[in-house]
Each structure stands twice: as structure tokens, then as C-alpha cells.
Amino acid sequence: MEETLTRATGQWVLLAYRIPRQPSTLRITIWRKLDRLGVARLGDGLVALPADARTREQIDWIAEEIGEMGGSSTVWLAAAGSAAQEKAIAAEMRTARAAEYRAVLEQAEAAARGRPGERSRAVKRLQAELRRIGRRDHFPPAEREAAQRAVRALADTGSGADTGAREVTR
């Protein structure tokens, strides 16, 4: 918990933006890109990420793209007004990632009951999903470890099952 609190303290990069209502595909494109970054939505057209070189660059790219779409945006570096507010934002972000990790865990458990070929495909897909979630996981929840263990276990049973099948056919 202490590591999480340390990470939650400090500067945030904020993006305040407005995008033309039409065509709606522009708005959807930006919303999806922001979701992939794992932003905290602070209000309509206002999102935040913990500030570091990577998140600042990503937000700058999206701000530039918004301008190219005919919208407007500003990027801010800020600190929360209080530790309680900052902890609440971090908790919201952690909760969102926890749900994603639980989904991976459930999929790994379901795949473990499948055939070896299905398990192998599921392992690759779930490993890729863990990487995607990890890129937006700024405040890791406890569910992260469980999901990673489940995918590792699935990979171990998948490789063991494949090896056993090859040995039988020799």
C-alpha cells in the first residue's frame, strides 16, 4: 500500500479538450485512445494521468490530434488540491484496472478447461491483454498478480499438454 500512496503523490498531466460534435467518429476515436491510456475522467472534456515523460508525451500527441480534428485542447501539469482527492482519483483508476484483471483471470480459468490448442491460443491472447492493461495500470491493484499467475499457469498446462501429446504420437 505504501508504494501505491507514494506513486499517487505528485504531479498529474491534465488534458482539457473540446471536440466538434459532428462527425461523432472523431469523438469516439479520442475517447478510445484516452481509454487505452487509462485516464481518470475528472469531468466532461477533462482527463488526468500521473505525470511522467511517457504520459506527458502521450497526452501531447492526443492534444495535437484533437487540434488536427478541428477541436481545441490544453495540457496542464497540476497537483491535486488535497491528498484525499488524489487518493480518490488513484482508487478510481485502480478499480477500473482491477475489473480488467478479473476479466483476464476468468478467461484464463475458462480456457484451462479447453483443449490444448485452444489453451495455447488463449495464452497468447491473454498475455497480449495483460501487456495492454499493464500499459495503463498506473496504480496496480491486487488482482494484477492473480491474473498474471492464472495466465502463467495456463501457459504451463498448455505447454505440458502439448509436450505430452507429442510424446504419445512418437
Protein backbone atom coordinates (compact mmCIF):
# COMPACT_ATOMS: atom_id res chain seq x y z
CA MET A 1 0.00 0.00 0.00
CA GLU A 2 2.86 2.39 0.79
CA GLU A 3 4.25 2.11 -2.76
CA THR A 4 0.80 2.92 -4.13
CA LEU A 5 0.47 6.01 -1.97
CA THR A 6 3.93 7.21 -2.97
CA ARG A 7 3.06 6.78 -6.63
CA ALA A 8 -0.22 8.63 -6.13
CA THR A 9 1.51 11.70 -4.76
CA GLY A 10 2.81 14.38 -7.05
CA GLN A 11 2.11 15.90 -10.39
CA TRP A 12 -0.56 14.96 -12.86
CA VAL A 13 -0.80 15.75 -16.54
CA LEU A 14 -4.27 17.03 -17.40
CA LEU A 15 -5.88 17.37 -20.79
CA ALA A 16 -8.78 19.76 -21.19
CA TYR A 17 -10.37 19.37 -24.59
CA ARG A 18 -13.33 20.10 -26.83
CA ILE A 19 -14.07 18.13 -29.96
CA PRO A 20 -16.65 19.03 -32.62
CA ARG A 21 -19.88 17.05 -32.12
CA GLN A 22 -20.01 16.00 -35.77
CA PRO A 23 -18.81 13.70 -37.07
CA SER A 24 -19.12 11.62 -33.91
CA THR A 25 -16.37 9.26 -35.07
CA LEU A 26 -13.79 11.91 -34.13
CA ARG A 27 -15.05 11.99 -30.53
CA ILE A 28 -15.17 8.20 -30.35
CA THR A 29 -11.62 7.94 -31.68
CA ILE A 30 -10.30 10.27 -28.97
CA TRP A 31 -12.34 8.57 -26.21
CA ARG A 32 -10.91 5.18 -27.21
CA LYS A 33 -7.35 6.50 -27.26
CA LEU A 34 -7.84 8.03 -23.83
CA ASP A 35 -9.33 4.77 -22.53
CA ARG A 36 -6.29 2.85 -23.81
CA LEU A 37 -4.12 5.20 -21.75
CA GLY A 38 -6.20 4.52 -18.64
CA VAL A 39 -7.02 8.15 -17.91
CA ALA A 40 -9.04 9.32 -14.94
CA ARG A 41 -12.06 11.25 -16.19
CA LEU A 42 -12.35 14.31 -13.98
CA GLY A 43 -15.19 15.95 -15.84
CA ASP A 44 -16.62 16.49 -19.30
CA GLY A 45 -13.60 17.07 -21.51
CA LEU A 46 -11.08 16.84 -18.64
CA VAL A 47 -8.85 13.82 -18.06
CA ALA A 48 -5.75 13.15 -15.97
CA LEU A 49 -2.80 10.77 -15.73
CA PRO A 50 0.09 10.65 -13.27
CA ALA A 51 2.77 12.85 -14.82
CA ASP A 52 5.90 11.26 -16.21
CA ALA A 53 7.71 11.59 -19.52
CA ARG A 54 5.67 8.82 -21.16
CA THR A 55 2.22 10.02 -20.10
CA ARG A 56 3.08 13.61 -20.92
CA GLU A 57 4.15 12.61 -24.43
CA GLN A 58 1.02 10.51 -24.96
CA ILE A 59 -1.26 13.32 -23.84
CA ASP A 60 0.64 15.81 -26.02
CA TRP A 61 0.09 13.55 -29.06
CA ILE A 62 -3.63 13.31 -28.37
CA ALA A 63 -3.86 17.09 -27.85
CA GLU A 64 -2.20 17.61 -31.22
CA GLU A 65 -4.60 15.15 -32.84
CA ILE A 66 -7.57 16.98 -31.33
CA GLY A 67 -6.31 20.20 -32.92
CA GLU A 68 -5.99 18.47 -36.30
CA MET A 69 -9.64 17.37 -35.94
CA GLY A 70 -10.77 20.96 -35.53
CA GLY A 71 -11.07 20.77 -31.75
CA SER A 72 -9.21 22.61 -29.04
CA SER A 73 -7.15 21.37 -26.12
CA THR A 74 -4.73 22.45 -23.45
CA VAL A 75 -2.30 20.31 -21.50
CA TRP A 76 -1.64 21.14 -17.86
CA LEU A 77 0.71 19.91 -15.18
CA ALA A 78 -1.04 20.07 -11.84
CA ALA A 79 -1.21 18.74 -8.32
CA ALA A 80 -4.41 17.67 -6.62
CA GLY A 81 -5.89 20.09 -4.11
CA SER A 82 -5.59 17.54 -1.33
CA ALA A 83 -4.15 14.11 -0.64
CA ALA A 84 -7.71 12.79 -0.26
CA GLN A 85 -8.64 13.96 -3.75
CA GLU A 86 -5.51 12.40 -5.21
CA LYS A 87 -6.15 9.11 -3.42
CA ALA A 88 -9.73 9.09 -4.72
CA ILE A 89 -8.55 9.53 -8.31
CA ALA A 90 -5.93 6.79 -7.89
CA ALA A 91 -8.55 4.49 -6.34
CA GLU A 92 -10.89 5.07 -9.29
CA MET A 93 -8.11 4.18 -11.72
CA ARG A 94 -7.13 1.12 -9.64
CA THR A 95 -10.75 -0.09 -9.59
CA ALA A 96 -11.00 0.14 -13.38
CA ARG A 97 -7.83 -1.91 -13.85
CA ALA A 98 -8.95 -4.44 -11.21
CA ALA A 99 -12.06 -5.18 -13.28
CA GLU A 100 -9.91 -5.73 -16.37
CA TYR A 101 -7.59 -8.09 -14.49
CA ARG A 102 -10.58 -10.02 -13.10
CA ALA A 103 -11.84 -10.50 -16.67
CA VAL A 104 -8.43 -11.90 -17.70
CA LEU A 105 -8.47 -14.22 -14.68
CA GLU A 106 -11.93 -15.50 -15.57
CA GLN A 107 -10.91 -16.06 -19.20
CA ALA A 108 -7.77 -17.94 -18.13
CA GLU A 109 -9.81 -20.17 -15.83
CA ALA A 110 -12.31 -20.88 -18.61
CA ALA A 111 -9.52 -21.58 -21.11
CA ALA A 112 -7.91 -24.05 -18.68
CA ARG A 113 -10.94 -26.28 -19.22
CA GLY A 114 -10.47 -26.21 -23.00
CA ARG A 115 -8.47 -28.36 -25.39
CA PRO A 116 -4.67 -27.90 -25.66
CA GLY A 117 -4.86 -25.95 -28.94
CA GLU A 118 -7.50 -23.65 -27.52
CA ARG A 119 -5.40 -23.14 -24.38
CA SER A 120 -2.36 -22.23 -26.47
CA ARG A 121 -4.32 -19.59 -28.41
CA ALA A 122 -5.84 -18.28 -25.18
CA VAL A 123 -2.40 -17.94 -23.58
CA LYS A 124 -1.15 -15.74 -26.43
CA ARG A 125 -4.30 -13.63 -26.40
CA LEU A 126 -4.30 -13.22 -22.60
CA GLN A 127 -0.58 -12.41 -22.45
CA ALA A 128 -1.19 -9.65 -25.01
CA GLU A 129 -4.15 -8.42 -22.97
CA LEU A 130 -2.02 -8.33 -19.80
CA ARG A 131 0.53 -6.19 -21.67
CA ARG A 132 -2.21 -3.80 -22.85
CA ILE A 133 -3.63 -3.48 -19.35
CA GLY A 134 -0.14 -3.04 -17.91
CA ARG A 135 0.47 0.00 -20.11
CA ARG A 136 -2.47 1.79 -18.49
CA ASP A 137 -2.02 0.36 -14.99
CA HIS A 138 -0.68 3.35 -13.09
CA PHE A 139 -1.83 2.12 -9.65
CA PRO A 140 -1.63 -1.69 -9.71
CA PRO A 141 -4.46 -3.48 -7.88
CA ALA A 142 -4.09 -6.80 -6.08
CA GLU A 143 -5.93 -8.50 -8.95
CA ARG A 144 -2.91 -7.97 -11.22
CA GLU A 145 -0.87 -10.71 -9.53
CA ALA A 146 -3.78 -13.18 -9.61
CA ALA A 147 -4.35 -12.60 -13.33
CA GLN A 148 -0.65 -12.96 -14.11
CA ARG A 149 -0.46 -16.21 -12.09
CA ALA A 150 -3.53 -17.60 -13.86
CA VAL A 151 -2.09 -16.87 -17.31
CA ARG A 152 1.29 -18.37 -16.30
CA ALA A 153 -0.48 -21.48 -15.01
CA LEU A 154 -2.46 -21.72 -18.24
CA ALA A 155 0.79 -21.42 -20.22
CA ASP A 156 2.38 -24.15 -18.09
CA THR A 157 -0.55 -26.55 -18.56
CA GLY A 158 -0.71 -25.72 -22.25
CA SER A 159 2.96 -26.48 -22.84
CA GLY A 160 2.79 -29.59 -20.68
CA ALA A 161 -0.27 -30.86 -22.53
CA ASP A 162 1.33 -30.17 -25.91
CA THR A 163 4.53 -31.95 -24.89
CA GLY A 164 2.58 -34.95 -23.62
CA ALA A 165 0.60 -35.14 -26.84
CA ARG A 166 3.79 -35.09 -28.94
CA GLU A 167 5.36 -37.83 -26.83
CA VAL A 168 2.33 -40.09 -27.26
CA THR A 169 2.39 -39.71 -31.05
CA ARG A 170 6.10 -40.56 -31.41
